[in-house]
Amino acid sequence: MTSLALLQNGLTVGAILFALGLVGILARRNLIVMFLSAELMLQGISVSLVAWSRHHGDFGGHVLVILVLTVAACEAAVALVFVLNAFARTGRLDAAAWQSLRESNLPRVVDHGLPPVDASIQRFPRLTPAGVLPAADEDAALQREHV
């Protein structure tokens, strides 16, 4: 494989990881999933940095990835404190729990919820039973096929 093909593969994987993380942050309201999506975005950037570093033949990108991993670990520790604080105050892990952490002189932002889900709509198809399992031979389980 040529150096350009390796660069394209690395940048493609990095872009896919970053895009999945971005979708996770924008589409989900659970705080833990949002922070995991932010970590996924950082890992996508790290893959891209390593690909560029390998393409150019220096270790600058590798050193920067170590810095990004250090920042990601610190961000995870601080985020855990915020998530636990929001959960202790509200009892839920919804992104709207951040409203209770704001200063008292700032107005609350109204978050419009999703419309109620109709319970009569079945979301996932159910598989039909395939039949009865045959009786297992107890003697066959005790014998080895080869030694």
N, C-alpha and C. Protein backbone atom coordinates (compact mmCIF):
# COMPACT_ATOMS: atom_id res chain seq x y z
N MET A 1 0.84 -1.17 0.00
CA MET A 1 0.00 0.00 0.00
C MET A 1 0.88 1.24 0.00
N THR A 2 0.47 2.21 -0.75
CA THR A 2 1.26 3.43 -0.81
C THR A 2 0.97 4.31 0.39
N SER A 3 1.82 5.30 0.54
CA SER A 3 1.67 6.22 1.67
C SER A 3 0.38 7.03 1.54
N LEU A 4 0.01 7.36 0.30
CA LEU A 4 -1.21 8.14 0.09
C LEU A 4 -2.45 7.31 0.41
N ALA A 5 -2.43 6.02 0.09
CA ALA A 5 -3.56 5.15 0.41
C ALA A 5 -3.71 4.99 1.92
N LEU A 6 -2.59 4.84 2.63
CA LEU A 6 -2.65 4.76 4.09
C LEU A 6 -3.20 6.05 4.70
N LEU A 7 -2.79 7.18 4.13
CA LEU A 7 -3.30 8.46 4.61
C LEU A 7 -4.80 8.56 4.40
N GLN A 8 -5.27 8.17 3.21
CA GLN A 8 -6.70 8.23 2.93
C GLN A 8 -7.49 7.31 3.85
N ASN A 9 -6.97 6.10 4.10
CA ASN A 9 -7.66 5.19 5.01
C ASN A 9 -7.72 5.74 6.42
N GLY A 10 -6.61 6.29 6.90
CA GLY A 10 -6.59 6.86 8.25
C GLY A 10 -7.51 8.05 8.39
N LEU A 11 -7.51 8.93 7.38
CA LEU A 11 -8.40 10.10 7.44
C LEU A 11 -9.86 9.70 7.32
N THR A 12 -10.14 8.65 6.55
CA THR A 12 -11.52 8.18 6.43
C THR A 12 -12.02 7.62 7.76
N VAL A 13 -11.20 6.80 8.41
CA VAL A 13 -11.60 6.24 9.71
C VAL A 13 -11.76 7.36 10.74
N GLY A 14 -10.82 8.32 10.73
CA GLY A 14 -10.92 9.45 11.65
C GLY A 14 -12.17 10.28 11.42
N ALA A 15 -12.51 10.51 10.15
CA ALA A 15 -13.71 11.28 9.84
C ALA A 15 -14.98 10.54 10.24
N ILE A 16 -14.99 9.22 10.06
CA ILE A 16 -16.16 8.43 10.46
C ILE A 16 -16.33 8.46 11.97
N LEU A 17 -15.24 8.30 12.71
CA LEU A 17 -15.33 8.38 14.18
C LEU A 17 -15.80 9.75 14.64
N PHE A 18 -15.26 10.80 14.02
CA PHE A 18 -15.66 12.15 14.40
C PHE A 18 -17.14 12.38 14.07
N ALA A 19 -17.59 11.92 12.91
CA ALA A 19 -18.99 12.10 12.52
C ALA A 19 -19.93 11.33 13.45
N LEU A 20 -19.55 10.10 13.83
CA LEU A 20 -20.39 9.33 14.76
C LEU A 20 -20.48 10.03 16.12
N GLY A 21 -19.36 10.59 16.57
CA GLY A 21 -19.39 11.32 17.83
C GLY A 21 -20.25 12.57 17.74
N LEU A 22 -20.18 13.27 16.62
CA LEU A 22 -20.98 14.48 16.43
C LEU A 22 -22.47 14.14 16.41
N VAL A 23 -22.82 13.07 15.72
CA VAL A 23 -24.22 12.64 15.70
C VAL A 23 -24.68 12.25 17.10
N GLY A 24 -23.80 11.58 17.85
CA GLY A 24 -24.15 11.19 19.22
C GLY A 24 -24.39 12.39 20.12
N ILE A 25 -23.59 13.43 19.96
CA ILE A 25 -23.80 14.63 20.78
C ILE A 25 -25.07 15.37 20.39
N LEU A 26 -25.33 15.46 19.10
CA LEU A 26 -26.49 16.23 18.65
C LEU A 26 -27.81 15.48 18.81
N ALA A 27 -27.77 14.16 18.76
CA ALA A 27 -29.02 13.40 18.76
C ALA A 27 -29.43 12.87 20.12
N ARG A 28 -28.53 12.74 21.05
CA ARG A 28 -28.85 12.13 22.33
C ARG A 28 -28.97 13.18 23.43
N ARG A 29 -29.76 12.87 24.45
CA ARG A 29 -29.92 13.78 25.57
C ARG A 29 -29.34 13.22 26.86
N ASN A 30 -28.92 11.98 26.87
CA ASN A 30 -28.33 11.37 28.05
C ASN A 30 -26.91 11.92 28.21
N LEU A 31 -26.61 12.41 29.41
CA LEU A 31 -25.31 13.05 29.63
C LEU A 31 -24.14 12.10 29.44
N ILE A 32 -24.29 10.86 29.88
CA ILE A 32 -23.18 9.91 29.74
C ILE A 32 -22.92 9.61 28.27
N VAL A 33 -23.97 9.42 27.49
CA VAL A 33 -23.80 9.16 26.07
C VAL A 33 -23.19 10.38 25.36
N MET A 34 -23.56 11.56 25.80
CA MET A 34 -23.00 12.77 25.19
C MET A 34 -21.51 12.88 25.47
N PHE A 35 -21.08 12.55 26.67
CA PHE A 35 -19.65 12.62 26.97
C PHE A 35 -18.88 11.49 26.29
N LEU A 36 -19.49 10.33 26.15
CA LEU A 36 -18.85 9.27 25.39
C LEU A 36 -18.71 9.65 23.92
N SER A 37 -19.69 10.38 23.40
CA SER A 37 -19.61 10.85 22.02
C SER A 37 -18.50 11.88 21.86
N ALA A 38 -18.31 12.72 22.87
CA ALA A 38 -17.20 13.68 22.82
C ALA A 38 -15.86 12.94 22.83
N GLU A 39 -15.76 11.87 23.60
CA GLU A 39 -14.54 11.07 23.60
C GLU A 39 -14.32 10.42 22.24
N LEU A 40 -15.40 9.98 21.61
CA LEU A 40 -15.29 9.39 20.28
C LEU A 40 -14.79 10.41 19.26
N MET A 41 -15.24 11.65 19.40
CA MET A 41 -14.76 12.71 18.51
C MET A 41 -13.26 12.94 18.72
N LEU A 42 -12.81 12.94 19.96
CA LEU A 42 -11.38 13.11 20.24
C LEU A 42 -10.57 11.96 19.66
N GLN A 43 -11.10 10.75 19.72
CA GLN A 43 -10.38 9.61 19.16
C GLN A 43 -10.32 9.69 17.63
N GLY A 44 -11.36 10.23 17.01
CA GLY A 44 -11.33 10.44 15.57
C GLY A 44 -10.25 11.44 15.17
N ILE A 45 -10.10 12.48 15.97
CA ILE A 45 -9.04 13.46 15.72
C ILE A 45 -7.68 12.82 15.92
N SER A 46 -7.57 11.96 16.92
CA SER A 46 -6.29 11.29 17.18
C SER A 46 -5.89 10.38 16.02
N VAL A 47 -6.84 9.66 15.46
CA VAL A 47 -6.54 8.80 14.32
C VAL A 47 -6.07 9.64 13.13
N SER A 48 -6.71 10.77 12.91
CA SER A 48 -6.31 11.65 11.81
C SER A 48 -4.90 12.22 12.04
N LEU A 49 -4.61 12.58 13.28
CA LEU A 49 -3.27 13.11 13.58
C LEU A 49 -2.19 12.06 13.35
N VAL A 50 -2.46 10.82 13.75
CA VAL A 50 -1.48 9.76 13.54
C VAL A 50 -1.30 9.48 12.04
N ALA A 51 -2.39 9.55 11.28
CA ALA A 51 -2.29 9.32 9.83
C ALA A 51 -1.44 10.40 9.18
N TRP A 52 -1.66 11.67 9.54
CA TRP A 52 -0.85 12.75 8.97
C TRP A 52 0.60 12.64 9.41
N SER A 53 0.81 12.27 10.66
CA SER A 53 2.17 12.13 11.16
C SER A 53 2.92 11.02 10.42
N ARG A 54 2.26 9.91 10.19
CA ARG A 54 2.90 8.82 9.46
C ARG A 54 3.15 9.21 8.00
N HIS A 55 2.23 9.95 7.42
CA HIS A 55 2.40 10.38 6.03
C HIS A 55 3.61 11.29 5.87
N HIS A 56 3.81 12.18 6.82
CA HIS A 56 4.93 13.13 6.74
C HIS A 56 6.22 12.56 7.31
N GLY A 57 6.17 11.43 7.99
CA GLY A 57 7.37 10.77 8.48
C GLY A 57 7.98 11.39 9.72
N ASP A 58 7.19 12.08 10.52
CA ASP A 58 7.70 12.61 11.79
C ASP A 58 6.79 12.15 12.93
N PHE A 59 7.24 12.41 14.15
CA PHE A 59 6.49 11.96 15.31
C PHE A 59 5.73 13.08 16.00
N GLY A 60 5.56 14.21 15.34
CA GLY A 60 4.84 15.33 15.94
C GLY A 60 3.39 14.99 16.21
N GLY A 61 2.75 14.29 15.28
CA GLY A 61 1.35 13.90 15.47
C GLY A 61 1.18 12.90 16.59
N HIS A 62 2.16 12.00 16.73
CA HIS A 62 2.08 11.02 17.80
C HIS A 62 2.18 11.69 19.17
N VAL A 63 3.05 12.67 19.27
CA VAL A 63 3.19 13.41 20.53
C VAL A 63 1.92 14.20 20.83
N LEU A 64 1.33 14.77 19.79
CA LEU A 64 0.09 15.52 19.98
C LEU A 64 -1.06 14.59 20.38
N VAL A 65 -1.05 13.36 19.89
CA VAL A 65 -2.07 12.38 20.28
C VAL A 65 -1.94 12.05 21.77
N ILE A 66 -0.72 11.93 22.27
CA ILE A 66 -0.54 11.69 23.70
C ILE A 66 -1.11 12.86 24.50
N LEU A 67 -0.91 14.08 24.01
CA LEU A 67 -1.49 15.25 24.67
C LEU A 67 -3.02 15.20 24.61
N VAL A 68 -3.58 14.80 23.46
CA VAL A 68 -5.03 14.71 23.33
C VAL A 68 -5.59 13.65 24.27
N LEU A 69 -4.90 12.52 24.40
CA LEU A 69 -5.35 11.47 25.32
C LEU A 69 -5.32 11.95 26.77
N THR A 70 -4.31 12.74 27.12
CA THR A 70 -4.22 13.28 28.47
C THR A 70 -5.38 14.25 28.73
N VAL A 71 -5.65 15.10 27.76
CA VAL A 71 -6.77 16.05 27.90
C VAL A 71 -8.09 15.29 27.97
N ALA A 72 -8.23 14.22 27.19
CA ALA A 72 -9.47 13.44 27.22
C ALA A 72 -9.68 12.78 28.58
N ALA A 73 -8.60 12.31 29.19
CA ALA A 73 -8.72 11.70 30.51
C ALA A 73 -9.14 12.74 31.55
N CYS A 74 -8.55 13.92 31.47
CA CYS A 74 -8.93 15.00 32.40
C CYS A 74 -10.37 15.43 32.16
N GLU A 75 -10.76 15.51 30.90
CA GLU A 75 -12.13 15.91 30.57
C GLU A 75 -13.12 14.87 31.09
N ALA A 76 -12.77 13.60 31.01
CA ALA A 76 -13.65 12.55 31.51
C ALA A 76 -13.80 12.64 33.03
N ALA A 77 -12.73 12.96 33.72
CA ALA A 77 -12.81 13.09 35.19
C ALA A 77 -13.68 14.28 35.59
N VAL A 78 -13.49 15.40 34.92
CA VAL A 78 -14.30 16.59 35.24
C VAL A 78 -15.75 16.36 34.84
N ALA A 79 -15.98 15.72 33.70
CA ALA A 79 -17.34 15.45 33.25
C ALA A 79 -18.05 14.51 34.21
N LEU A 80 -17.33 13.56 34.77
CA LEU A 80 -17.94 12.65 35.74
C LEU A 80 -18.43 13.41 36.96
N VAL A 81 -17.66 14.40 37.39
CA VAL A 81 -18.09 15.22 38.54
C VAL A 81 -19.36 15.98 38.19
N PHE A 82 -19.42 16.56 37.00
CA PHE A 82 -20.62 17.30 36.60
C PHE A 82 -21.83 16.39 36.46
N VAL A 83 -21.62 15.21 35.88
CA VAL A 83 -22.73 14.27 35.71
C VAL A 83 -23.25 13.80 37.06
N LEU A 84 -22.36 13.48 37.99
CA LEU A 84 -22.80 13.06 39.32
C LEU A 84 -23.51 14.19 40.06
N ASN A 85 -23.03 15.42 39.89
CA ASN A 85 -23.68 16.56 40.53
C ASN A 85 -25.07 16.79 39.94
N ALA A 86 -25.20 16.71 38.63
CA ALA A 86 -26.51 16.89 38.01
C ALA A 86 -27.45 15.76 38.40
N PHE A 87 -26.93 14.53 38.50
CA PHE A 87 -27.78 13.41 38.90
C PHE A 87 -28.20 13.53 40.37
N ALA A 88 -27.30 14.03 41.22
CA ALA A 88 -27.64 14.19 42.64
C ALA A 88 -28.73 15.25 42.82
N ARG A 89 -28.71 16.27 41.99
CA ARG A 89 -29.70 17.35 42.14
C ARG A 89 -31.05 17.00 41.53
N THR A 90 -31.04 16.29 40.40
CA THR A 90 -32.30 16.07 39.69
C THR A 90 -32.77 14.62 39.72
N GLY A 91 -31.88 13.67 39.93
CA GLY A 91 -32.26 12.28 39.94
C GLY A 91 -32.41 11.67 38.56
N ARG A 92 -31.96 12.36 37.53
CA ARG A 92 -32.02 11.83 36.16
C ARG A 92 -30.78 12.26 35.39
N LEU A 93 -30.53 11.60 34.28
CA LEU A 93 -29.35 11.90 33.48
C LEU A 93 -29.71 12.56 32.16
N ASP A 94 -30.76 13.34 32.16
CA ASP A 94 -31.18 14.06 30.97
C ASP A 94 -30.35 15.33 30.84
N ALA A 95 -30.14 15.80 29.61
CA ALA A 95 -29.35 17.01 29.39
C ALA A 95 -30.02 18.23 30.01
N ALA A 96 -31.32 18.16 30.22
CA ALA A 96 -32.02 19.27 30.87
C ALA A 96 -31.63 19.41 32.34
N ALA A 97 -30.93 18.40 32.88
CA ALA A 97 -30.48 18.48 34.26
C ALA A 97 -29.44 19.57 34.44
N TRP A 98 -28.80 19.99 33.37
CA TRP A 98 -27.82 21.07 33.46
C TRP A 98 -28.48 22.39 33.83
N GLN A 99 -29.81 22.49 33.64
CA GLN A 99 -30.52 23.72 33.98
C GLN A 99 -30.39 24.04 35.46
N SER A 100 -30.36 23.00 36.29
CA SER A 100 -30.29 23.25 37.73
C SER A 100 -28.89 23.67 38.18
N LEU A 101 -27.89 23.54 37.32
CA LEU A 101 -26.53 23.90 37.70
C LEU A 101 -26.18 25.35 37.35
N ARG A 102 -27.09 26.04 36.66
CA ARG A 102 -26.77 27.42 36.26
C ARG A 102 -26.93 28.37 37.44
N GLU A 103 -26.38 29.55 37.28
CA GLU A 103 -26.45 30.55 38.35
C GLU A 103 -27.89 31.03 38.51
N SER A 104 -28.22 31.48 39.70
CA SER A 104 -29.60 31.82 40.00
C SER A 104 -30.07 33.07 39.27
N ASN A 105 -29.17 33.95 38.85
CA ASN A 105 -29.60 35.19 38.19
C ASN A 105 -29.80 35.01 36.68
N LEU A 106 -29.46 33.85 36.12
CA LEU A 106 -29.64 33.61 34.70
C LEU A 106 -31.00 32.96 34.45
N PRO A 107 -31.68 33.34 33.36
CA PRO A 107 -32.99 32.73 33.09
C PRO A 107 -32.84 31.29 32.62
N ARG A 108 -33.85 30.49 32.92
CA ARG A 108 -33.84 29.09 32.49
C ARG A 108 -34.24 29.02 31.02
N VAL A 109 -33.61 28.14 30.31
CA VAL A 109 -33.92 27.93 28.90
C VAL A 109 -34.99 26.85 28.81
N VAL A 110 -36.05 27.13 28.07
CA VAL A 110 -37.13 26.16 27.94
C VAL A 110 -36.74 25.15 26.88
N ASP A 111 -36.70 23.90 27.28
CA ASP A 111 -36.37 22.82 26.36
C ASP A 111 -37.65 22.11 25.99
N HIS A 112 -38.01 22.18 24.73
CA HIS A 112 -39.24 21.54 24.29
C HIS A 112 -39.00 20.05 24.16
N GLY A 113 -39.82 19.27 24.82
CA GLY A 113 -39.66 17.83 24.81
C GLY A 113 -40.17 17.21 23.53
N LEU A 114 -39.90 15.95 23.36
CA LEU A 114 -40.37 15.21 22.21
C LEU A 114 -41.84 14.90 22.38
N PRO A 115 -42.57 14.74 21.28
CA PRO A 115 -43.98 14.37 21.42
C PRO A 115 -44.11 12.99 22.03
N PRO A 116 -45.22 12.71 22.70
CA PRO A 116 -45.37 11.40 23.34
C PRO A 116 -45.38 10.29 22.30
N VAL A 117 -44.83 9.15 22.69
CA VAL A 117 -44.74 8.00 21.79
C VAL A 117 -46.01 7.19 21.92
N ASP A 118 -46.60 6.82 20.79
CA ASP A 118 -47.80 6.01 20.78
C ASP A 118 -47.42 4.58 21.17
N ALA A 119 -47.99 4.06 22.26
CA ALA A 119 -47.62 2.74 22.77
C ALA A 119 -48.15 1.62 21.88
N SER A 120 -49.15 1.91 21.04
CA SER A 120 -49.72 0.86 20.21
C SER A 120 -48.81 0.51 19.03
N ILE A 121 -47.85 1.39 18.70
CA ILE A 121 -46.94 1.11 17.60
C ILE A 121 -45.83 0.21 18.10
N GLN A 122 -45.67 -0.93 17.43
CA GLN A 122 -44.62 -1.86 17.83
C GLN A 122 -43.33 -1.45 17.13
N ARG A 123 -42.29 -1.17 17.90
CA ARG A 123 -41.06 -0.64 17.33
C ARG A 123 -40.21 -1.72 16.65
N PHE A 124 -40.01 -2.86 17.30
CA PHE A 124 -39.12 -3.88 16.77
C PHE A 124 -39.94 -5.11 16.40
N PRO A 125 -39.61 -5.73 15.28
CA PRO A 125 -40.35 -6.95 14.92
C PRO A 125 -39.99 -8.08 15.88
N ARG A 126 -40.94 -8.92 16.13
CA ARG A 126 -40.71 -10.06 17.01
C ARG A 126 -40.51 -11.30 16.14
N LEU A 127 -39.54 -12.12 16.52
CA LEU A 127 -39.27 -13.34 15.78
C LEU A 127 -40.24 -14.43 16.21
N THR A 128 -40.67 -15.21 15.24
CA THR A 128 -41.55 -16.32 15.56
C THR A 128 -40.72 -17.46 16.13
N PRO A 129 -41.29 -18.27 17.03
CA PRO A 129 -40.52 -19.38 17.57
C PRO A 129 -40.17 -20.37 16.46
N ALA A 130 -38.97 -20.90 16.51
CA ALA A 130 -38.48 -21.77 15.46
C ALA A 130 -38.83 -23.23 15.71
N GLY A 131 -39.33 -23.57 16.84
CA GLY A 131 -39.68 -24.96 17.12
C GLY A 131 -39.08 -25.40 18.44
N VAL A 132 -39.13 -26.69 18.67
CA VAL A 132 -38.66 -27.26 19.91
C VAL A 132 -37.21 -27.72 19.70
N LEU A 133 -36.37 -27.47 20.69
CA LEU A 133 -34.98 -27.92 20.61
C LEU A 133 -34.94 -29.44 20.75
N PRO A 134 -34.08 -30.10 19.95
CA PRO A 134 -33.98 -31.56 20.08
C PRO A 134 -33.32 -31.93 21.41
N ALA A 135 -33.61 -33.12 21.87
CA ALA A 135 -33.03 -33.58 23.13
C ALA A 135 -31.52 -33.80 22.93
N ALA A 136 -30.73 -33.34 23.87
CA ALA A 136 -29.27 -33.47 23.77
C ALA A 136 -28.84 -34.86 24.23
N ASP A 137 -27.87 -35.44 23.52
CA ASP A 137 -27.32 -36.74 23.89
C ASP A 137 -26.31 -36.52 25.01
N GLU A 138 -26.60 -37.04 26.21
CA GLU A 138 -25.73 -36.81 27.36
C GLU A 138 -24.39 -37.53 27.21
N ASP A 139 -24.36 -38.69 26.54
CA ASP A 139 -23.12 -39.43 26.37
C ASP A 139 -22.18 -38.72 25.40
N ALA A 140 -22.71 -38.03 24.41
CA ALA A 140 -21.87 -37.34 23.43
C ALA A 140 -21.11 -36.18 24.09
N ALA A 141 -21.68 -35.56 25.10
CA ALA A 141 -21.01 -34.45 25.76
C ALA A 141 -19.83 -34.93 26.60
N LEU A 142 -19.85 -36.18 27.02
CA LEU A 142 -18.76 -36.71 27.85
C LEU A 142 -17.60 -37.25 27.03
N GLN A 143 -17.80 -37.51 25.76
CA GLN A 143 -16.74 -38.09 24.92
C GLN A 143 -15.99 -36.99 24.17
N ARG A 144 -14.71 -37.22 23.98
CA ARG A 144 -13.89 -36.30 23.19
C ARG A 144 -13.85 -36.78 21.75
N GLU A 145 -13.77 -35.81 20.83
CA GLU A 145 -13.67 -36.18 19.43
C GLU A 145 -12.26 -36.66 19.09
N HIS A 146 -11.26 -36.07 19.71
CA HIS A 146 -9.87 -36.49 19.50
C HIS A 146 -9.09 -36.21 20.76
N VAL A 147 -7.95 -36.87 20.88
CA VAL A 147 -7.11 -36.70 22.07
C VAL A 147 -5.87 -35.92 21.71
